Protein backbone atom coordinates (compact mmCIF):
# COMPACT_ATOMS: atom_id res chain seq x y z
CA MET A 1 0.09 0.07 0.16
CA LYS A 2 1.33 2.99 -0.92
CA VAL A 3 0.16 6.35 1.12
CA LEU A 4 0.13 9.77 0.58
CA LEU A 5 0.25 11.79 3.75
CA VAL A 6 -1.24 15.24 3.21
CA TYR A 7 -1.38 18.29 5.86
CA PRO A 8 -3.39 21.22 4.41
CA ARG A 9 -2.30 24.79 4.34
CA PHE A 10 -3.25 27.48 7.44
CA PRO A 11 -4.28 30.82 6.34
CA LYS A 12 -2.28 33.66 7.70
CA SER A 13 -2.85 33.68 11.41
CA PHE A 14 -1.40 35.23 14.48
CA TRP A 15 0.90 31.95 14.47
CA SER A 16 1.50 31.59 11.03
CA PHE A 17 4.46 34.09 11.22
CA GLU A 18 5.26 34.34 7.61
CA LYS A 19 7.63 37.24 7.52
CA THR A 20 9.44 36.22 10.56
CA LEU A 21 9.96 32.53 9.15
CA ALA A 22 11.49 33.95 6.24
CA LEU A 23 14.24 35.79 7.98
CA LEU A 24 15.72 32.02 8.43
CA ASP A 25 14.53 30.95 5.09
CA ARG A 26 11.81 28.56 7.23
CA LYS A 27 8.59 27.46 5.68
CA ALA A 28 6.59 26.61 8.44
CA MET A 29 6.60 26.86 12.71
CA LEU A 30 5.97 23.08 13.54
CA PRO A 31 5.42 20.02 11.53
CA PRO A 32 2.19 17.88 11.52
CA LEU A 33 3.12 15.81 14.34
CA GLY A 34 -0.74 14.12 13.75
CA LEU A 35 0.18 12.63 10.51
CA VAL A 36 3.83 11.31 11.20
CA THR A 37 2.47 9.27 14.47
CA VAL A 38 -0.48 8.13 11.96
CA ALA A 39 2.45 6.83 9.61
CA ALA A 40 3.92 4.87 12.77
CA ILE A 41 0.86 3.45 13.93
CA LEU A 42 0.20 2.20 10.32
CA PRO A 43 1.46 -1.33 9.22
CA GLN A 44 5.13 -0.27 8.57
CA GLU A 45 5.19 -2.47 5.29
CA TRP A 46 3.28 -0.14 3.54
CA GLU A 47 5.20 2.74 2.14
CA PHE A 48 4.29 6.66 2.93
CA LYS A 49 4.96 10.14 1.99
CA LEU A 50 4.50 12.90 3.39
CA VAL A 51 3.75 16.67 1.84
CA ASP A 52 3.15 19.41 4.04
CA ARG A 53 1.59 22.18 2.07
CA ASN A 54 2.54 24.89 4.41
CA VAL A 55 6.13 23.81 3.09
CA ARG A 56 5.49 22.88 -0.64
CA GLN A 57 2.95 22.19 -3.55
CA ILE A 58 2.09 18.17 -3.98
CA THR A 59 3.71 17.10 -7.57
CA GLU A 60 1.49 15.25 -10.03
CA ALA A 61 4.49 12.29 -9.55
CA GLU A 62 3.35 12.03 -5.99
CA TRP A 63 -0.35 11.89 -6.69
CA ALA A 64 0.10 9.41 -9.02
CA TRP A 65 2.18 7.21 -7.18
CA ALA A 66 -0.33 6.93 -4.08
CA ASP A 67 -2.75 4.31 -3.58
CA LEU A 68 -4.48 5.79 -0.57
CA VAL A 69 -4.12 9.32 0.36
CA ILE A 70 -4.51 10.17 4.37
CA MET A 71 -5.28 13.70 5.72
CA SER A 72 -5.71 15.04 9.02
CA ALA A 73 -6.50 18.63 10.27
CA MET A 74 -7.61 21.37 12.92
CA ILE A 75 -10.85 23.40 12.30
CA VAL A 76 -8.77 26.60 10.93
CA GLN A 77 -7.18 24.35 7.71
CA LYS A 78 -10.71 23.53 6.67
CA GLU A 79 -10.62 25.20 3.51
CA ASP A 80 -7.56 23.57 2.48
CA LEU A 81 -8.18 20.25 3.66
CA LEU A 82 -11.76 20.06 1.61
CA GLU A 83 -10.03 21.51 -1.75
CA GLN A 84 -6.93 18.83 -1.63
CA ILE A 85 -9.68 15.84 -0.87
CA ARG A 86 -11.53 17.23 -4.01
CA GLU A 87 -8.37 17.05 -5.61
CA ALA A 88 -7.93 13.44 -4.80
CA LYS A 89 -10.64 12.58 -5.95
CA ILE A 90 -10.58 14.37 -9.34
CA ARG A 91 -7.73 12.09 -9.68
CA GLY A 92 -9.75 8.64 -8.63
CA LYS A 93 -7.88 8.30 -5.43
CA ALA A 94 -8.76 6.48 -2.11
CA VAL A 95 -9.36 9.21 0.72
CA ALA A 96 -8.95 8.83 4.28
CA VAL A 97 -9.31 11.62 7.17
CA GLY A 98 -9.04 12.35 10.26
CA GLY A 99 -7.81 14.53 13.03
CA PRO A 100 -9.69 17.23 15.18
CA TYR A 101 -12.18 19.03 12.35
CA ALA A 102 -12.65 15.49 11.26
CA THR A 103 -13.86 14.53 14.50
CA ALA A 104 -15.98 17.74 15.64
CA LEU A 105 -17.72 18.16 12.21
CA PRO A 106 -17.26 15.01 10.39
CA HIS A 107 -20.45 15.83 7.83
CA GLU A 108 -18.43 18.55 6.60
CA VAL A 109 -15.52 16.65 5.75
CA SER A 110 -17.29 13.71 4.14
CA ALA A 111 -19.03 16.17 1.64
CA PRO A 112 -16.41 16.29 -0.68
CA GLY A 113 -16.37 12.45 -1.08
CA THR A 114 -14.20 11.25 1.70
CA ASP A 115 -14.11 7.21 1.44
CA TYR A 116 -13.16 6.69 5.17
CA LEU A 117 -13.60 8.89 8.11
CA ILE A 118 -10.89 7.78 10.74
CA LEU A 119 -12.05 9.66 13.84
CA ASP A 120 -11.38 10.21 17.81
CA GLU A 121 -7.85 9.09 18.87
CA GLY A 122 -5.77 7.32 16.44
CA GLU A 123 -4.48 4.13 18.30
CA ILE A 124 -7.80 3.15 18.63
CA THR A 125 -9.39 3.63 15.29
CA LEU A 126 -6.59 3.45 12.96
CA PRO A 127 -6.32 -0.68 13.38
CA LEU A 128 -9.97 -0.63 12.41
CA PHE A 129 -9.29 1.12 9.54
CA VAL A 130 -6.54 -1.23 8.45
CA GLU A 131 -8.91 -4.22 9.25
CA ALA A 132 -11.28 -2.69 6.73
CA ILE A 133 -8.69 -2.02 4.39
CA ALA A 134 -7.91 -5.82 4.27
CA ARG A 135 -11.58 -6.79 4.36
CA GLY A 136 -11.41 -4.64 0.86
CA ASP A 137 -14.38 -2.50 2.47
CA ARG A 138 -14.23 0.58 0.19
CA THR A 139 -16.39 2.93 2.90
CA GLY A 140 -16.15 3.57 6.66
CA VAL A 141 -16.41 5.26 9.78
CA PHE A 142 -14.14 4.38 12.42
CA ARG A 143 -14.75 5.42 15.98
CA SER A 144 -13.76 5.02 19.59
CA GLY A 145 -16.73 4.82 21.30
CA GLY A 146 -15.51 6.99 24.10
CA GLU A 147 -12.67 4.83 24.77
CA LYS A 148 -9.49 6.69 25.66
CA PRO A 149 -5.94 5.13 24.38
CA ASP A 150 -3.14 4.75 26.55
CA VAL A 151 -0.62 6.72 25.42
CA THR A 152 2.69 4.73 26.68
CA ASN A 153 1.62 2.19 23.93
CA THR A 154 1.80 4.84 21.09
CA PRO A 155 5.05 4.10 18.89
CA ILE A 156 7.83 6.69 17.84
CA PRO A 157 6.19 9.07 15.35
CA ARG A 158 7.70 8.53 11.97
CA PHE A 159 10.03 11.81 11.94
CA ASP A 160 11.86 10.57 9.07
CA LEU A 161 9.16 11.45 6.64
CA LEU A 162 9.77 15.17 7.61
CA GLU A 163 11.90 17.90 5.71
CA PHE A 164 13.38 19.43 8.86
CA GLU A 165 15.13 22.41 7.28
CA ALA A 166 11.40 23.51 6.55
CA TYR A 167 10.31 24.00 10.01
CA ALA A 168 11.33 26.43 12.68
CA GLU A 169 10.60 24.25 15.63
CA MET A 170 10.00 20.45 16.13
CA SER A 171 6.95 18.82 17.58
CA VAL A 172 6.69 16.29 20.58
CA GLN A 173 3.66 15.38 22.61
CA PHE A 174 3.95 13.79 26.54
CA SER A 175 0.07 14.06 27.58
CA ARG A 176 -3.09 14.65 26.18
CA GLY A 177 -6.08 16.03 28.23
CA CYS A 178 -6.73 18.42 30.82
CA PRO A 179 -7.87 17.99 33.89
CA PHE A 180 -9.64 21.47 34.07
CA GLN A 181 -13.84 22.04 32.66
CA CYS A 182 -13.29 25.68 30.96
CA GLU A 183 -16.52 25.37 29.11
CA PHE A 184 -15.48 27.41 25.45
CA CYS A 185 -12.56 24.77 25.41
CA ASP A 186 -13.28 21.22 22.82
CA ILE A 187 -9.55 19.83 24.30
CA ILE A 188 -11.50 18.30 27.06
CA VAL A 189 -14.21 17.22 24.32
CA LEU A 190 -11.45 15.41 21.95
CA TYR A 191 -9.24 13.92 24.76
CA GLY A 192 -11.15 13.74 28.47
CA ARG A 193 -10.10 15.52 31.30
CA LYS A 194 -7.73 12.91 32.60
CA PRO A 195 -4.38 13.65 31.16
CA ARG A 196 -2.49 10.64 29.95
CA THR A 197 1.34 11.03 29.50
CA LYS A 198 3.51 8.67 27.89
CA ASN A 199 6.44 7.22 30.60
CA PRO A 200 9.63 9.15 30.46
CA ALA A 201 11.43 6.29 29.04
CA GLN A 202 8.97 6.38 25.81
CA LEU A 203 9.62 10.16 24.96
CA LEU A 204 13.46 10.04 25.94
CA ALA A 205 13.43 7.56 23.18
CA GLU A 206 11.44 9.72 20.43
CA LEU A 207 14.39 12.50 21.68
CA ASP A 208 16.73 9.94 20.85
CA TYR A 209 15.34 9.35 17.46
CA LEU A 210 15.24 13.31 16.33
CA TYR A 211 18.92 13.47 17.78
CA GLU A 212 19.96 10.51 15.84
CA LEU A 213 18.29 12.20 12.55
CA GLY A 214 20.06 15.52 13.18
CA TRP A 215 17.65 17.88 15.01
CA ARG A 216 19.64 20.62 16.94
CA ARG A 217 17.01 23.43 17.62
CA SER A 218 13.89 24.07 19.19
CA ILE A 219 11.00 21.90 19.77
CA PHE A 220 7.71 22.25 21.62
CA MET A 221 5.76 20.20 23.44
CA VAL A 222 2.55 19.99 21.89
CA ASP A 223 0.67 19.08 24.99
CA ASP A 224 -2.29 21.58 25.66
CA ASN A 225 -1.54 21.64 29.07
CA PHE A 226 1.80 20.18 29.99
CA ILE A 227 1.48 20.21 33.55
CA GLY A 228 -2.23 18.35 33.91
CA ASN A 229 -0.45 15.44 35.40
CA LYS A 230 2.01 17.41 37.91
CA ARG A 231 3.62 13.95 39.10
CA ASN A 232 4.32 12.36 36.07
CA VAL A 233 5.73 15.55 34.36
CA LYS A 234 8.35 15.82 37.38
CA LEU A 235 9.11 12.34 36.76
CA PHE A 236 9.79 13.06 33.14
CA LEU A 237 11.79 16.06 33.83
CA LYS A 238 13.95 14.32 36.43
CA GLU A 239 15.07 12.08 34.02
CA LEU A 240 15.22 14.06 30.82
CA GLN A 241 17.62 16.40 33.00
CA PRO A 242 20.63 13.89 32.50
CA TRP A 243 19.70 13.26 29.22
CA MET A 244 20.22 16.83 28.45
CA VAL A 245 23.33 17.01 30.36
CA ALA A 246 24.80 13.92 28.59
CA HIS A 247 24.02 15.34 25.02
CA HIS A 248 25.56 18.89 25.68
CA PHE A 249 21.84 20.67 25.25
CA PRO A 250 21.15 19.60 21.88
CA PHE A 251 17.55 21.31 22.56
CA SER A 252 15.44 23.98 23.53
CA PHE A 253 11.77 23.55 25.19
CA ALA A 254 8.74 25.22 24.74
CA THR A 255 5.20 24.25 25.94
CA GLU A 256 1.28 25.26 26.95
CA ALA A 257 0.58 24.92 30.70
CA SER A 258 -2.09 26.28 33.06
CA VAL A 259 -1.20 29.19 35.08
CA ASP A 260 -1.40 27.27 38.47
CA LEU A 261 2.21 26.47 37.27
CA ALA A 262 3.28 29.42 39.34
CA GLN A 263 2.36 27.77 42.29
CA ASP A 264 4.87 25.04 42.05
CA GLN A 265 8.63 26.48 42.25
CA GLU A 266 9.99 22.73 42.02
CA LEU A 267 8.41 22.30 38.65
CA MET A 268 9.02 25.11 37.31
CA ASP A 269 13.14 24.99 38.26
CA LEU A 270 12.99 21.29 36.79
CA MET A 271 11.48 23.01 33.55
CA VAL A 272 14.70 25.63 33.49
CA ALA A 273 16.76 22.88 34.37
CA CYS A 274 16.03 20.83 31.04
CA ASN A 275 16.28 23.72 28.51
CA PHE A 276 12.48 25.36 28.83
CA GLY A 277 12.77 28.76 27.39
CA ALA A 278 9.25 29.27 27.13
CA VAL A 279 5.50 28.78 28.14
CA PHE A 280 2.31 29.40 27.02
CA LEU A 281 -0.69 30.26 29.63
CA GLY A 282 -4.25 30.47 28.70
CA ILE A 283 -5.18 33.65 30.49
CA GLU A 284 -8.07 34.76 28.42
CA THR A 285 -9.32 37.65 30.64
CA PRO A 286 -8.17 39.55 33.65
CA ASP A 287 -11.92 40.02 34.40
CA GLU A 288 -12.39 37.73 37.18
CA GLU A 289 -16.73 37.57 36.69
CA SER A 290 -16.09 36.37 32.91
CA LEU A 291 -13.38 33.70 34.03
CA THR A 292 -15.95 32.16 36.49
CA PHE A 293 -18.79 32.52 34.18
CA THR A 294 -16.99 30.35 31.52
CA GLN A 295 -15.47 28.26 34.49
CA LYS A 296 -12.39 28.63 34.34
CA TYR A 297 -11.80 28.63 37.92
CA GLN A 298 -8.23 28.13 38.16
CA ASN A 299 -7.49 31.42 36.88
CA THR A 300 -9.69 33.05 40.10
CA ARG A 301 -7.57 30.99 42.79
CA ASP A 302 -4.65 33.85 42.73
CA SER A 303 -3.57 36.77 41.21
CA LEU A 304 -2.99 36.45 37.35
CA SER A 305 -0.51 39.31 37.65
CA GLU A 306 1.82 37.71 39.98
CA ALA A 307 1.31 34.11 38.14
CA VAL A 308 2.90 35.76 34.97
CA HIS A 309 5.97 37.69 37.47
CA THR A 310 6.68 34.55 39.39
CA ILE A 311 6.71 32.36 36.18
CA THR A 312 9.16 34.78 34.72
CA ARG A 313 11.54 35.51 37.29
CA SER A 314 11.81 31.61 37.49
CA GLY A 315 13.50 31.69 33.68
CA LEU A 316 10.54 31.21 31.88
CA ARG A 317 9.36 33.41 29.36
CA VAL A 318 5.80 33.83 29.07
CA MET A 319 3.38 33.48 25.97
CA ALA A 320 -0.31 34.09 26.46
CA GLY A 321 -3.37 33.68 24.93
CA PHE A 322 -6.36 36.39 25.55
CA ILE A 323 -10.27 36.37 24.54
CA ILE A 324 -13.14 39.03 23.99
CA GLY A 325 -16.89 38.19 24.09
CA PHE A 326 -17.62 36.37 27.11
CA ASP A 327 -21.00 36.27 28.36
CA GLY A 328 -21.46 39.33 30.98
CA GLU A 329 -18.37 40.72 29.98
CA LYS A 330 -18.33 44.84 30.82
CA PRO A 331 -17.59 47.28 27.70
CA GLY A 332 -13.67 47.96 28.03
CA ALA A 333 -12.75 44.34 27.84
CA GLY A 334 -10.34 45.24 25.28
CA ALA A 335 -8.51 48.15 27.17
CA ARG A 336 -8.01 45.98 30.14
CA ILE A 337 -6.68 43.22 28.60
CA VAL A 338 -4.05 46.02 26.66
CA LYS A 339 -3.73 47.32 30.31
CA PHE A 340 -2.79 43.67 31.91
CA VAL A 341 -0.35 42.83 29.40
CA GLU A 342 1.40 46.15 29.55
CA GLN A 343 1.29 45.66 33.27
CA THR A 344 2.97 42.25 33.22
CA ALA A 345 5.45 42.83 30.37
CA ILE A 346 4.33 39.73 28.15
CA PRO A 347 5.42 40.39 24.93
CA THR A 348 3.55 38.02 22.79
CA ALA A 349 -0.15 38.00 23.49
CA LEU A 350 -2.25 35.77 21.14
CA PHE A 351 -5.62 37.81 21.56
CA SER A 352 -9.27 36.20 19.88
CA MET A 353 -13.04 37.06 19.72
CA LEU A 354 -14.49 34.22 21.59
CA GLN A 355 -16.00 30.72 19.23
CA ALA A 356 -18.45 28.53 20.16
CA LEU A 357 -16.43 25.57 18.92
CA PRO A 358 -18.48 22.08 18.14
CA ASP A 359 -19.74 20.37 21.18
CA THR A 360 -17.89 22.11 23.59
CA ALA A 361 -20.50 23.05 26.79
CA LEU A 362 -20.36 26.67 25.41
CA TRP A 363 -21.93 25.33 22.11
CA HIS A 364 -24.28 23.07 23.94
CA ARG A 365 -25.71 26.00 25.87
CA LEU A 366 -25.79 28.51 23.34
CA GLU A 367 -27.47 26.07 20.73
CA LYS A 368 -30.33 25.51 23.83
CA GLU A 369 -30.20 29.34 23.96
CA GLY A 370 -30.66 29.55 20.09
CA ARG A 371 -27.68 32.19 20.23
CA LEU A 372 -25.57 30.23 17.44
CA ARG A 373 -25.26 32.32 14.47
CA SER A 374 -23.50 29.55 12.80
CA LYS A 375 -22.76 25.95 12.86
CA GLY A 376 -19.39 26.70 11.81
CA ALA A 377 -16.77 27.62 13.85
CA ASN A 378 -13.08 29.28 13.31
CA ILE A 379 -10.42 29.87 15.78
CA ASN A 380 -8.85 32.12 13.54
CA GLN A 381 -8.14 35.84 14.38
CA THR A 382 -9.82 37.51 11.29
CA THR A 383 -13.36 35.98 12.02
CA LEU A 384 -16.59 37.62 13.84
CA MET A 385 -18.06 35.55 16.73
CA ASN A 386 -20.32 32.85 15.66
CA PHE A 387 -22.77 33.23 18.23
CA VAL A 388 -25.11 36.43 19.77
CA PRO A 389 -22.85 37.94 22.79
CA THR A 390 -24.67 39.78 25.44
CA ARG A 391 -23.18 43.25 24.55
CA PRO A 392 -23.35 44.41 20.97
CA LEU A 393 -21.13 42.88 18.29
CA ALA A 394 -19.96 45.79 16.64
CA ASP A 395 -18.87 47.20 20.40
CA ILE A 396 -16.83 44.02 20.87
CA ALA A 397 -15.04 43.89 17.53
CA ARG A 398 -14.26 47.90 17.74
CA GLU A 399 -12.82 47.18 21.11
CA TYR A 400 -11.16 43.99 19.50
CA VAL A 401 -9.40 45.70 16.76
CA GLU A 402 -8.20 48.52 18.70
CA ALA A 403 -6.78 46.30 21.38
CA PHE A 404 -4.98 44.01 18.72
CA TRP A 405 -3.97 47.25 16.86
CA GLU A 406 -2.30 48.69 20.25
CA LEU A 407 -0.76 45.37 21.82
CA TYR A 408 1.62 45.03 18.02
CA GLU A 409 2.28 48.71 17.75
CA PRO A 410 6.05 48.36 17.19
CA SER A 411 7.56 50.35 20.14
CA ARG A 412 4.94 49.45 22.64
CA PHE A 413 6.11 45.54 21.33
CA LEU A 414 9.45 46.23 22.22
CA ASP A 415 9.32 47.80 24.97
CA ARG A 416 7.52 44.51 26.53
CA ALA A 417 10.17 42.30 25.31
CA TYR A 418 12.98 44.24 26.66
CA ARG A 419 11.24 44.90 30.18
CA HIS A 420 10.16 40.64 30.04
CA TYR A 421 13.89 39.66 29.16
CA ARG A 422 15.22 42.01 31.84
CA ILE A 423 12.45 40.16 34.49
CA LEU A 424 13.96 36.67 33.29
CA GLY A 425 17.28 37.88 34.44
CA GLU A 426 20.68 37.17 33.76
CA ALA A 427 20.67 34.42 36.65
CA THR A 428 18.60 31.98 34.89
CA TYR A 429 20.78 31.19 32.09
CA PRO A 430 23.64 29.58 33.68
CA LYS A 431 20.90 26.65 34.78
CA LYS A 432 20.63 25.89 31.49
CA GLY A 433 23.97 24.74 30.95
CA LYS A 434 27.28 25.69 28.71
CA GLY A 435 26.05 23.00 26.07
CA ALA A 436 23.00 25.07 25.45
CA LYS A 437 24.52 28.01 23.50
CA LYS A 438 24.53 27.26 19.62
CA PRO A 439 27.20 28.30 17.14
CA LEU A 440 25.62 30.93 14.74
CA ASN A 441 25.22 30.02 11.15
CA TRP A 442 24.95 32.30 8.34
CA LYS A 443 21.30 32.11 8.10
CA VAL A 444 20.97 33.04 11.74
CA ILE A 445 23.43 36.07 11.13
CA ARG A 446 21.42 36.61 8.06
CA ALA A 447 18.13 37.30 10.28
CA LEU A 448 20.43 39.31 13.13
CA LEU A 449 21.34 41.89 10.14
CA ILE A 450 18.06 42.23 8.97
CA ILE A 451 16.14 42.63 12.11
CA CYS A 452 19.26 45.34 13.35
CA TRP A 453 18.99 47.24 9.49
CA ARG A 454 14.92 47.03 9.51
CA GLN A 455 14.07 47.99 13.48
CA GLY A 456 17.56 49.62 14.21
CA VAL A 457 18.00 51.66 11.06
CA ARG A 458 14.66 52.07 8.75
CA ARG A 459 11.71 52.59 11.65
CA GLN A 460 10.75 55.47 14.25
CA THR A 461 11.81 52.65 16.77
CA ARG A 462 15.83 52.94 16.24
CA TRP A 463 17.05 54.86 18.89
CA GLN A 464 14.36 52.22 21.10
CA PHE A 465 16.21 49.06 19.50
CA TRP A 466 19.79 50.14 19.95
CA ARG A 467 19.18 51.54 23.81
CA ASN A 468 17.45 48.35 24.59
CA LEU A 469 19.80 46.04 22.76
CA TRP A 470 22.78 47.66 24.68
CA ASN A 471 21.34 47.16 27.76
CA MET A 472 20.46 43.53 27.42
CA TYR A 473 23.86 43.06 26.28
CA LYS A 474 24.92 45.00 29.51
CA HIS A 475 22.53 43.33 32.14
CA ASN A 476 21.65 39.97 30.32
CA PRO A 477 23.88 38.66 27.88
CA GLY A 478 22.70 35.39 28.03
CA GLY A 479 19.39 36.27 26.70
CA VAL A 480 20.29 38.48 23.73
CA SER A 481 20.02 35.50 21.01
CA SER A 482 16.31 34.93 22.43
CA TYR A 483 15.57 38.32 22.99
CA LEU A 484 16.45 39.18 19.39
CA SER A 485 14.44 36.20 17.77
CA VAL A 486 11.31 38.04 19.98
CA CYS A 487 11.67 41.44 18.39
CA ALA A 488 11.56 39.23 14.96
CA GLN A 489 8.11 38.74 15.63
CA ILE A 490 6.90 42.35 15.00
CA GLU A 491 8.33 41.52 11.84
CA HIS A 492 4.56 39.39 11.40
CA PHE A 493 2.69 41.52 13.52
CA LEU A 494 2.88 44.52 11.51
CA GLU A 495 1.49 42.81 8.62
CA TYR A 496 -0.83 40.95 10.74
CA ARG A 497 -2.49 43.44 12.50
CA GLN A 498 -3.82 45.26 9.43
CA ILE A 499 -5.16 42.00 8.33
CA VAL A 500 -7.31 41.83 11.53
CA ARG A 501 -8.27 45.31 10.89
CA ASP A 502 -9.01 44.94 7.52
CA GLU A 503 -11.12 41.81 7.75
CA ILE A 504 -12.94 42.67 11.15
CA GLU A 505 -14.13 45.83 9.79
CA ALA A 506 -15.41 44.66 6.59
CA GLN A 507 -17.34 41.91 8.40
CA VAL A 508 -18.50 44.37 10.98
CA ALA A 509 -19.95 46.52 7.87
CA GLU A 510 -21.77 43.46 6.43
CA PHE A 511 -23.31 42.39 9.34
CA LEU A 512 -24.42 45.90 10.30
CA GLU A 513 -25.84 46.37 6.62
CA ALA A 514 -27.61 42.87 7.18
CA GLU A 515 -28.97 44.16 10.69
CA ALA A 516 -30.37 47.08 9.03
CA ASN A 517 -32.25 45.61 6.30
CA VAL A 518 -34.21 43.19 8.91
CA GLN A 519 -35.28 46.15 10.94
CA PRO A 520 -37.78 47.55 8.76
CA GLU A 521 -39.75 43.95 8.59
CA VAL A 522 -39.67 43.65 12.69
CA LYS A 523 -41.26 47.19 12.82
CA VAL A 524 -44.06 46.40 10.16
CA LEU A 525 -44.24 42.91 12.29
CA VAL A 526 -45.19 44.45 15.37
C-alpha cells in the first residue's frame, strides 16, 4: 500500500509568522506531528510519503504514486483540506481523513467525497481502518466509542518523513487531556479530563530518534496542558535533565501550561534545568467575573499578574492567550486586556474573539439558548464571533481591533519584550548549562542583520531598539539571542494587525448592513 500523507495549508494567522520565518528561510513553524504518528501506527510494510502544503505543493508524480491519501486537519485548515479532498477524488484516489476537524464536524469533511473517516484518537481507530482495508471495504467510519487509548503504547512518530530544514521548531507530545472544565475548550471534548502521559523512557526514545536524525533546535511540547499530571511531568523532567546534560543540551523546549504552574516552584525549576525557555499560558481575561462564568476557575484562585511575574522570574518566557466576548462581559474589556499585558510585560499575546467550538459546553448551551449564528467555527483571529453575545457585537469587534492594534504597535511591543527579558534575568541562563549555546550559522547571522537594519535603522523605533539591545548586552548577555528572536516577531505582527483590522471591519460593516435590512421587517410585524 502506497500512502500519501497530506497536511493542508493554514491561512495567515497569529501563529503563521510568515515574515519572521522568512528571515531564517523556514517555511512553517511546526510539522504535522499527528500525521507522522499516524504513519508510525499504520503497518510498517506500507510505503509512506508526506507533503506538508505549508512547505510545498503536491507534485503530480506524488498524486500518481499513491494508492491511498490520508489527511488530517484542525478547523482553521478546513478550506484547504476540503480542496485537497476534491483534488484527490478528481484523480481517482481513495481518501481517508482524521484529526480534530473531522472528529468535530464529520459531515463537513465527508461532503467532498471522503471514503474513510478515521475519527477520535488514532491508536484505537487506525487499527479498525486497517482491518477494513484488509477486508476490501471501500468506505467506512471508525470511532472509538468513547474509549481513550493508553498513550504509553503509542509508537515513536515517523520523524524521518519530515523535511527538517523547512521547520522553525519540532513537535513532540507528552500528554493528552486536561483536568479543568473551561466551558469554551474543545480539548476536554476531544481528549478527556484525565491527562494521559507517555512514560519517561518512551519520550526519551523519541528525543533519541530526533537526535540521531540531526535535529538540534527548538522543540515544542504540543500538550494542551503540559502540567495536567504534575506527578508524571516531574518524573519525566527528572530523567530528561541528565539526558540533556549527557547530550550537551541539543534542544531547547517550549510548551503550554495552566497558570497554576506558578504555584509549583520545584516544577518550574525542573523545566528551566531541562532548557525549557518559554511557556504559553491561557489567561483569557483579567476579568474575574468572566473567568468564573466560563468555568475557568483555576485562573481565579490567585493573582494572575503575580502568577505571570513568578513564572517569568523563574526563567520561563511567558506567552499568553486572551479572549474577548464572554457572556456578561462589561464594556472596555479590550482596554483591560491591553493594560494587563502592558503591566505584566508579556511580549507575545495571542488575542482572539470568542468562538463556540463544536460539541463544547459553550456550544451546547448557546444552541439550547438559540444564540448560535453559525454551525461552523473558526479559531483564526479574523472572524467574527459565531454566536449572539450579551453586548453589541459591533462594540466587541471595535474593542478587539483597537486592542490588537495597540498590542502590536512596534514601540510598545519592543518595550514589553525588553522589560520581559530584564525580568527573566541573567541569573536564569547559567542553570541551562554551557552546552545550551548554539554556534551561529549564516542563516542566523543574516536574520540578525536584517532585524538590526529594519528595526535599528529604517523604523522610528531605531533609538529604542539600540538602547534596549545595549542594555540587554550589559545586564543579560545570555538572553540577547532569544530576545532578538522575539523582537523579530514584530515583522509578522506589523502586517497581521492590518489584516485583522481590514477583515474584521469589513465583516462588521456587512453584519450591520444585514441587521439594518432586517429592522424594517421587524417593525412591520410589530
